[in-house]
Amino acid sequence: LALADKGLDANQWEVVLPDALHSIRSLLSTATNQTPHERFLGFGRRTASGTILPTWLMEKGKALLRRHVRPSKYDPLVDEVEIVEANPCYARVCLPNGKQKTVSLRDFGPCTSK
């Protein structure tokens, strides 16, 4: 597809190889919430523009935030929050009680419910 998109012949596959490898290495697994690069090396892969944000963080929307303190073992492990803005290390979120808080992306995950 990349060859056809750039109008290249199949013999010129080396030209699109870095883009194809980047696509495979940065594909987010829904089971682990990590890319193959993150699982293997322990940190996010940078793009040519230097960003490492997952696509679900680039838009405002709902996400899951891990709770570090739970008064009871029956309390939920995560809270559903609204993303206000995000950068490669931190995100500003709106909590269910209406307060805004800056949190680490390590405590964050995509929300599958709509």
N, C-alpha and C. Protein backbone atom coordinates (compact mmCIF):
# COMPACT_ATOMS: atom_id res chain seq x y z
N LEU A 1 0.82 -1.20 0.00
CA LEU A 1 0.00 0.00 0.00
C LEU A 1 0.86 1.26 0.00
N ALA A 2 1.96 1.24 0.77
CA ALA A 2 2.82 2.41 0.81
C ALA A 2 3.47 2.66 -0.53
N LEU A 3 3.82 1.59 -1.24
CA LEU A 3 4.41 1.75 -2.57
C LEU A 3 3.41 2.40 -3.53
N ALA A 4 2.18 1.91 -3.50
CA ALA A 4 1.15 2.46 -4.38
C ALA A 4 0.82 3.90 -3.99
N ASP A 5 0.83 4.18 -2.70
CA ASP A 5 0.53 5.53 -2.23
C ASP A 5 1.56 6.54 -2.72
N LYS A 6 2.83 6.13 -2.76
CA LYS A 6 3.90 7.01 -3.21
C LYS A 6 4.18 6.87 -4.71
N GLY A 7 3.46 5.99 -5.39
CA GLY A 7 3.63 5.81 -6.83
C GLY A 7 4.95 5.17 -7.19
N LEU A 8 5.45 4.25 -6.36
CA LEU A 8 6.74 3.60 -6.59
C LEU A 8 6.55 2.19 -7.13
N ASP A 9 7.58 1.67 -7.77
CA ASP A 9 7.60 0.31 -8.28
C ASP A 9 7.92 -0.65 -7.12
N ALA A 10 7.54 -1.91 -7.25
CA ALA A 10 7.80 -2.91 -6.21
C ALA A 10 9.29 -3.12 -5.97
N ASN A 11 10.13 -2.82 -6.93
CA ASN A 11 11.58 -2.96 -6.76
C ASN A 11 12.16 -1.90 -5.82
N GLN A 12 11.40 -0.87 -5.53
CA GLN A 12 11.87 0.21 -4.65
C GLN A 12 11.31 0.07 -3.24
N TRP A 13 11.14 -1.15 -2.76
CA TRP A 13 10.56 -1.41 -1.44
C TRP A 13 11.40 -0.86 -0.30
N GLU A 14 12.71 -0.68 -0.53
CA GLU A 14 13.59 -0.17 0.54
C GLU A 14 13.20 1.25 0.95
N VAL A 15 12.61 1.99 0.03
CA VAL A 15 12.24 3.39 0.31
C VAL A 15 11.15 3.45 1.39
N VAL A 16 10.20 2.53 1.37
CA VAL A 16 9.08 2.56 2.31
C VAL A 16 9.28 1.63 3.51
N LEU A 17 10.37 0.89 3.54
CA LEU A 17 10.60 -0.05 4.64
C LEU A 17 10.62 0.61 6.01
N PRO A 18 11.30 1.74 6.23
CA PRO A 18 11.28 2.36 7.56
C PRO A 18 9.87 2.74 8.02
N ASP A 19 9.04 3.24 7.10
CA ASP A 19 7.67 3.59 7.47
C ASP A 19 6.85 2.35 7.82
N ALA A 20 7.04 1.28 7.06
CA ALA A 20 6.31 0.04 7.33
C ALA A 20 6.72 -0.56 8.67
N LEU A 21 8.01 -0.56 8.96
CA LEU A 21 8.48 -1.08 10.25
C LEU A 21 7.98 -0.23 11.41
N HIS A 22 7.99 1.08 11.22
CA HIS A 22 7.47 1.96 12.28
C HIS A 22 5.99 1.68 12.55
N SER A 23 5.22 1.45 11.49
CA SER A 23 3.80 1.15 11.66
C SER A 23 3.59 -0.13 12.47
N ILE A 24 4.36 -1.15 12.18
CA ILE A 24 4.23 -2.42 12.90
C ILE A 24 4.67 -2.27 14.36
N ARG A 25 5.78 -1.58 14.58
CA ARG A 25 6.33 -1.45 15.93
C ARG A 25 5.52 -0.52 16.82
N SER A 26 4.71 0.34 16.23
CA SER A 26 3.95 1.29 17.03
C SER A 26 2.46 0.96 17.07
N LEU A 27 2.06 -0.23 16.63
CA LEU A 27 0.67 -0.66 16.66
C LEU A 27 0.29 -1.04 18.09
N LEU A 28 -0.72 -0.40 18.66
CA LEU A 28 -1.12 -0.62 20.04
C LEU A 28 -1.89 -1.93 20.19
N SER A 29 -1.44 -2.77 21.11
CA SER A 29 -2.15 -4.01 21.42
C SER A 29 -3.21 -3.71 22.47
N THR A 30 -4.45 -4.09 22.21
CA THR A 30 -5.51 -3.82 23.18
C THR A 30 -5.42 -4.74 24.40
N ALA A 31 -4.76 -5.87 24.27
CA ALA A 31 -4.63 -6.79 25.40
C ALA A 31 -3.65 -6.26 26.44
N THR A 32 -2.56 -5.66 26.00
CA THR A 32 -1.53 -5.17 26.93
C THR A 32 -1.51 -3.67 27.07
N ASN A 33 -2.24 -2.95 26.21
CA ASN A 33 -2.24 -1.49 26.16
C ASN A 33 -0.83 -0.95 25.92
N GLN A 34 -0.02 -1.70 25.17
CA GLN A 34 1.34 -1.30 24.84
C GLN A 34 1.63 -1.68 23.40
N THR A 35 2.61 -1.00 22.83
CA THR A 35 3.07 -1.36 21.49
C THR A 35 4.15 -2.44 21.63
N PRO A 36 4.48 -3.16 20.57
CA PRO A 36 5.57 -4.14 20.65
C PRO A 36 6.89 -3.49 21.08
N HIS A 37 7.13 -2.27 20.63
CA HIS A 37 8.35 -1.56 21.02
C HIS A 37 8.37 -1.30 22.53
N GLU A 38 7.24 -0.88 23.09
CA GLU A 38 7.15 -0.62 24.54
C GLU A 38 7.31 -1.91 25.34
N ARG A 39 6.73 -3.00 24.86
CA ARG A 39 6.85 -4.28 25.58
C ARG A 39 8.30 -4.77 25.60
N PHE A 40 8.98 -4.63 24.49
CA PHE A 40 10.33 -5.16 24.37
C PHE A 40 11.37 -4.26 25.03
N LEU A 41 11.27 -2.95 24.82
CA LEU A 41 12.30 -2.03 25.30
C LEU A 41 11.90 -1.23 26.54
N GLY A 42 10.61 -1.18 26.87
CA GLY A 42 10.18 -0.51 28.08
C GLY A 42 9.92 0.98 27.94
N PHE A 43 10.00 1.54 26.75
CA PHE A 43 9.68 2.95 26.56
C PHE A 43 9.05 3.13 25.18
N GLY A 44 8.34 4.25 25.01
CA GLY A 44 7.64 4.50 23.76
C GLY A 44 8.56 4.86 22.62
N ARG A 45 8.14 4.52 21.43
CA ARG A 45 8.91 4.80 20.21
C ARG A 45 8.57 6.19 19.71
N ARG A 46 9.58 6.95 19.35
CA ARG A 46 9.37 8.29 18.80
C ARG A 46 9.16 8.23 17.29
N THR A 47 8.30 9.10 16.82
CA THR A 47 8.07 9.19 15.38
C THR A 47 9.10 10.14 14.77
N ALA A 48 9.02 10.35 13.49
CA ALA A 48 9.94 11.27 12.82
C ALA A 48 9.74 12.70 13.33
N SER A 49 8.53 13.01 13.77
CA SER A 49 8.27 14.35 14.31
C SER A 49 8.65 14.45 15.79
N GLY A 50 9.01 13.34 16.42
CA GLY A 50 9.46 13.36 17.80
C GLY A 50 8.39 13.09 18.84
N THR A 51 7.17 12.81 18.43
CA THR A 51 6.10 12.57 19.40
C THR A 51 5.92 11.08 19.64
N ILE A 52 5.43 10.74 20.82
CA ILE A 52 5.18 9.33 21.13
C ILE A 52 3.78 9.13 21.71
N LEU A 53 2.88 10.06 21.48
CA LEU A 53 1.53 9.94 22.02
C LEU A 53 0.72 8.90 21.26
N PRO A 54 0.02 8.03 21.98
CA PRO A 54 -0.91 7.12 21.29
C PRO A 54 -2.06 7.93 20.68
N THR A 55 -2.68 7.37 19.67
CA THR A 55 -3.73 8.10 18.97
C THR A 55 -4.93 8.40 19.87
N TRP A 56 -5.24 7.53 20.82
CA TRP A 56 -6.40 7.78 21.68
C TRP A 56 -6.16 8.94 22.64
N LEU A 57 -4.90 9.38 22.81
CA LEU A 57 -4.61 10.52 23.67
C LEU A 57 -4.58 11.84 22.91
N MET A 58 -4.60 11.80 21.60
CA MET A 58 -4.49 13.02 20.82
C MET A 58 -5.80 13.80 20.73
N GLU A 59 -6.90 13.17 21.10
CA GLU A 59 -8.19 13.83 21.06
C GLU A 59 -8.80 13.85 22.46
N LYS A 60 -9.64 14.82 22.70
CA LYS A 60 -10.36 14.85 23.97
C LYS A 60 -11.36 13.71 23.98
N GLY A 61 -11.53 13.13 25.14
CA GLY A 61 -12.46 12.01 25.26
C GLY A 61 -12.29 11.34 26.61
N LYS A 62 -12.91 10.21 26.77
CA LYS A 62 -12.86 9.48 28.03
C LYS A 62 -11.65 8.56 28.08
N ALA A 63 -11.13 8.36 29.30
CA ALA A 63 -10.01 7.45 29.53
C ALA A 63 -10.16 6.88 30.94
N LEU A 64 -9.40 5.83 31.23
CA LEU A 64 -9.42 5.22 32.55
C LEU A 64 -8.16 5.62 33.31
N LEU A 65 -8.34 6.03 34.56
CA LEU A 65 -7.25 6.46 35.42
C LEU A 65 -7.17 5.53 36.62
N ARG A 66 -5.98 4.96 36.85
CA ARG A 66 -5.77 4.02 37.96
C ARG A 66 -5.89 4.75 39.30
N ARG A 67 -6.56 4.10 40.24
CA ARG A 67 -6.65 4.61 41.62
C ARG A 67 -5.50 4.02 42.42
N HIS A 68 -4.73 4.88 43.06
CA HIS A 68 -3.63 4.39 43.88
C HIS A 68 -4.09 4.09 45.31
N VAL A 69 -5.08 4.82 45.78
CA VAL A 69 -5.59 4.63 47.14
C VAL A 69 -7.05 4.25 47.05
N ARG A 70 -7.38 3.10 47.66
CA ARG A 70 -8.76 2.66 47.73
C ARG A 70 -9.09 2.36 49.18
N PRO A 71 -10.07 3.04 49.76
CA PRO A 71 -10.42 2.79 51.17
C PRO A 71 -10.90 1.35 51.41
N SER A 72 -11.50 0.76 50.42
CA SER A 72 -12.02 -0.59 50.55
C SER A 72 -11.58 -1.42 49.35
N LYS A 73 -11.41 -2.72 49.56
CA LYS A 73 -11.03 -3.58 48.44
C LYS A 73 -12.16 -3.72 47.42
N TYR A 74 -13.36 -3.27 47.79
CA TYR A 74 -14.50 -3.36 46.88
C TYR A 74 -14.64 -2.11 46.01
N ASP A 75 -13.84 -1.08 46.27
CA ASP A 75 -13.85 0.11 45.42
C ASP A 75 -13.24 -0.23 44.07
N PRO A 76 -13.66 0.46 43.02
CA PRO A 76 -13.11 0.15 41.69
C PRO A 76 -11.62 0.46 41.60
N LEU A 77 -10.92 -0.26 40.71
CA LEU A 77 -9.49 -0.05 40.50
C LEU A 77 -9.20 1.19 39.68
N VAL A 78 -10.16 1.61 38.84
CA VAL A 78 -9.97 2.75 37.95
C VAL A 78 -11.17 3.68 38.01
N ASP A 79 -10.94 4.93 37.61
CA ASP A 79 -12.01 5.91 37.45
C ASP A 79 -12.06 6.32 35.99
N GLU A 80 -13.25 6.58 35.50
CA GLU A 80 -13.39 7.10 34.14
C GLU A 80 -13.26 8.62 34.21
N VAL A 81 -12.32 9.17 33.45
CA VAL A 81 -12.05 10.60 33.47
C VAL A 81 -12.14 11.16 32.05
N GLU A 82 -12.20 12.47 31.96
CA GLU A 82 -12.24 13.16 30.67
C GLU A 82 -10.88 13.79 30.40
N ILE A 83 -10.29 13.51 29.24
CA ILE A 83 -8.99 14.08 28.88
C ILE A 83 -9.18 15.54 28.46
N VAL A 84 -8.42 16.44 29.10
CA VAL A 84 -8.45 17.85 28.74
C VAL A 84 -7.33 18.13 27.73
N GLU A 85 -6.10 17.72 28.06
CA GLU A 85 -4.97 17.84 27.15
C GLU A 85 -3.91 16.83 27.57
N ALA A 86 -2.99 16.52 26.67
CA ALA A 86 -1.95 15.53 26.98
C ALA A 86 -0.65 15.90 26.26
N ASN A 87 0.46 15.51 26.88
CA ASN A 87 1.77 15.61 26.25
C ASN A 87 2.45 14.25 26.40
N PRO A 88 3.68 14.05 25.94
CA PRO A 88 4.28 12.71 26.00
C PRO A 88 4.49 12.15 27.41
N CYS A 89 4.42 12.97 28.46
CA CYS A 89 4.65 12.46 29.82
C CYS A 89 3.42 12.53 30.72
N TYR A 90 2.64 13.59 30.59
CA TYR A 90 1.53 13.84 31.50
C TYR A 90 0.27 14.20 30.73
N ALA A 91 -0.86 14.06 31.44
CA ALA A 91 -2.14 14.47 30.87
C ALA A 91 -2.91 15.26 31.91
N ARG A 92 -3.64 16.24 31.46
CA ARG A 92 -4.54 17.00 32.33
C ARG A 92 -5.92 16.40 32.13
N VAL A 93 -6.54 15.98 33.24
CA VAL A 93 -7.83 15.30 33.16
C VAL A 93 -8.84 15.99 34.06
N CYS A 94 -10.09 15.78 33.73
CA CYS A 94 -11.19 16.25 34.56
C CYS A 94 -11.76 15.02 35.28
N LEU A 95 -11.69 15.04 36.60
CA LEU A 95 -12.15 13.92 37.42
C LEU A 95 -13.68 13.89 37.48
N PRO A 96 -14.27 12.78 37.93
CA PRO A 96 -15.73 12.70 38.00
C PRO A 96 -16.35 13.77 38.91
N ASN A 97 -15.60 14.26 39.92
CA ASN A 97 -16.15 15.29 40.81
C ASN A 97 -16.00 16.70 40.23
N GLY A 98 -15.43 16.83 39.02
CA GLY A 98 -15.32 18.12 38.36
C GLY A 98 -13.96 18.79 38.51
N LYS A 99 -13.11 18.30 39.39
CA LYS A 99 -11.78 18.89 39.57
C LYS A 99 -10.86 18.45 38.44
N GLN A 100 -9.89 19.32 38.11
CA GLN A 100 -8.88 18.97 37.11
C GLN A 100 -7.60 18.59 37.82
N LYS A 101 -6.89 17.64 37.23
CA LYS A 101 -5.68 17.10 37.85
C LYS A 101 -4.69 16.72 36.75
N THR A 102 -3.39 16.89 37.03
CA THR A 102 -2.35 16.44 36.12
C THR A 102 -1.88 15.07 36.57
N VAL A 103 -1.88 14.09 35.66
CA VAL A 103 -1.53 12.72 36.00
C VAL A 103 -0.50 12.17 35.03
N SER A 104 0.25 11.18 35.46
CA SER A 104 1.23 10.52 34.61
C SER A 104 0.53 9.60 33.62
N LEU A 105 1.10 9.48 32.43
CA LEU A 105 0.50 8.58 31.44
C LEU A 105 0.65 7.12 31.83
N ARG A 106 1.52 6.82 32.78
CA ARG A 106 1.67 5.43 33.26
C ARG A 106 0.41 4.93 33.97
N ASP A 107 -0.39 5.86 34.49
CA ASP A 107 -1.60 5.50 35.22
C ASP A 107 -2.85 5.61 34.36
N PHE A 108 -2.67 5.66 33.07
CA PHE A 108 -3.72 5.97 32.13
C PHE A 108 -3.99 4.83 31.18
N GLY A 109 -5.20 4.69 30.70
CA GLY A 109 -5.52 3.70 29.70
C GLY A 109 -6.72 4.14 28.88
N PRO A 110 -6.87 3.59 27.67
CA PRO A 110 -8.02 3.98 26.85
C PRO A 110 -9.31 3.41 27.41
N CYS A 111 -10.38 4.13 27.23
CA CYS A 111 -11.70 3.69 27.69
C CYS A 111 -12.45 3.14 26.49
N THR A 112 -12.90 1.91 26.58
CA THR A 112 -13.58 1.28 25.44
C THR A 112 -15.07 1.56 25.43
N SER A 113 -15.67 1.96 26.57
CA SER A 113 -17.10 2.24 26.59
C SER A 113 -17.36 3.62 26.01
N LYS A 114 -18.48 3.77 25.35
CA LYS A 114 -18.84 5.05 24.73
C LYS A 114 -19.81 5.78 25.59
